[in-house]
Amino acid sequence: MKALVIYDSRFGNTKQVARVVADTLGERGTVQLVPVNEVDGFEFEGVDLLVLGGPTQRHGLSPAVRAWLELIPRGVMRGPLRSRL
């Protein structure tokens, strides 16, 4: 299994949680742990599991997570990746 863990963390707490998630998933396959502000492009080829985490701010997504999600072109999450989410 190939997993991609993307996170946003303002004070480091969500980063710690993301690291634990990545370490746990790493027991079952390969994992890439990336801060949302360092995600380069939208190449999900070969990714079996996408985990996206961030703090809630003002009862919603953090601005960085929201901005990243809005940049994903329509249709990218279709097919095998979407069916596994």
Protein backbone atom coordinates (compact mmCIF):
# COMPACT_ATOMS: atom_id res chain seq x y z
CA MET A 1 0.00 0.00 0.00
CA LYS A 2 1.21 3.51 -0.82
CA ALA A 3 -0.19 6.29 1.37
CA LEU A 4 0.15 10.05 1.21
CA VAL A 5 -0.40 12.00 4.44
CA ILE A 6 -0.83 15.74 3.94
CA TYR A 7 -1.25 17.99 6.95
CA ASP A 8 -1.47 21.59 8.08
CA SER A 9 -0.23 22.48 11.54
CA ARG A 10 0.03 25.90 13.05
CA PHE A 11 1.43 25.03 16.48
CA GLY A 12 2.73 21.51 15.86
CA ASN A 13 -0.08 19.44 17.35
CA THR A 14 -1.57 18.32 14.04
CA LYS A 15 1.94 17.57 12.78
CA GLN A 16 2.42 15.18 15.71
CA VAL A 17 -0.87 13.44 14.93
CA ALA A 18 0.02 13.24 11.23
CA ARG A 19 3.39 11.71 12.11
CA VAL A 20 1.71 9.02 14.24
CA VAL A 21 -0.74 8.28 11.41
CA ALA A 22 2.16 8.05 8.94
CA ASP A 23 4.21 5.83 11.25
CA THR A 24 1.26 3.50 11.78
CA LEU A 25 0.48 3.31 8.06
CA GLY A 26 4.18 2.74 7.43
CA GLU A 27 3.82 -0.64 9.12
CA ARG A 28 1.68 -1.70 6.13
CA GLY A 29 3.46 -0.02 3.24
CA THR A 30 5.19 3.12 2.06
CA VAL A 31 4.09 6.51 3.33
CA GLN A 32 4.94 10.04 2.34
CA LEU A 33 4.32 12.73 4.97
CA VAL A 34 4.08 16.25 3.53
CA PRO A 35 3.02 19.62 4.96
CA VAL A 36 0.20 21.10 2.86
CA ASN A 37 2.30 24.13 1.97
CA GLU A 38 4.96 21.86 0.44
CA VAL A 39 2.68 19.69 -1.70
CA ASP A 40 3.97 19.89 -5.24
CA GLY A 41 1.28 19.33 -7.83
CA PHE A 42 -1.51 16.82 -7.78
CA GLU A 43 0.10 13.60 -8.91
CA PHE A 44 -1.72 10.85 -7.07
CA GLU A 45 -0.66 8.06 -9.43
CA GLY A 46 -0.08 4.92 -7.42
CA VAL A 47 -1.47 6.39 -4.20
CA ASP A 48 -3.80 3.93 -2.51
CA LEU A 49 -4.73 6.12 0.44
CA LEU A 50 -4.80 9.88 0.87
CA VAL A 51 -5.03 11.28 4.40
CA LEU A 52 -5.55 15.02 4.76
CA GLY A 53 -5.56 16.59 8.19
CA GLY A 54 -5.51 20.02 9.67
CA PRO A 55 -6.71 22.06 12.59
CA THR A 56 -10.17 23.52 12.64
CA GLN A 57 -10.17 27.27 12.54
CA ARG A 58 -13.35 29.27 12.98
CA HIS A 59 -15.35 26.02 12.95
CA GLY A 60 -14.01 24.93 9.57
CA LEU A 61 -10.95 23.98 7.56
CA SER A 62 -7.76 25.91 8.01
CA PRO A 63 -7.10 28.41 5.21
CA ALA A 64 -4.12 26.38 3.93
CA VAL A 65 -6.13 23.15 3.68
CA ARG A 66 -9.08 24.93 2.07
CA ALA A 67 -6.78 26.64 -0.47
CA TRP A 68 -5.11 23.33 -1.36
CA LEU A 69 -8.43 21.56 -1.82
CA GLU A 70 -9.70 24.36 -4.06
CA LEU A 71 -6.64 23.99 -6.31
CA ILE A 72 -7.30 20.33 -7.09
CA PRO A 73 -8.66 20.09 -10.63
CA ARG A 74 -12.08 18.49 -11.03
CA GLY A 75 -11.91 14.79 -11.75
CA VAL A 76 -8.54 14.14 -10.12
CA MET A 77 -10.14 12.20 -7.27
CA ARG A 78 -12.11 9.91 -9.58
CA GLY A 79 -11.40 6.28 -10.24
CA PRO A 80 -9.50 3.91 -7.96
CA LEU A 81 -8.36 6.57 -5.48
CA ARG A 82 -11.87 7.87 -4.90
CA SER A 83 -13.32 4.39 -4.51
CA ARG A 84 -10.89 3.69 -1.70
CA LEU A 85 -11.59 6.86 0.27
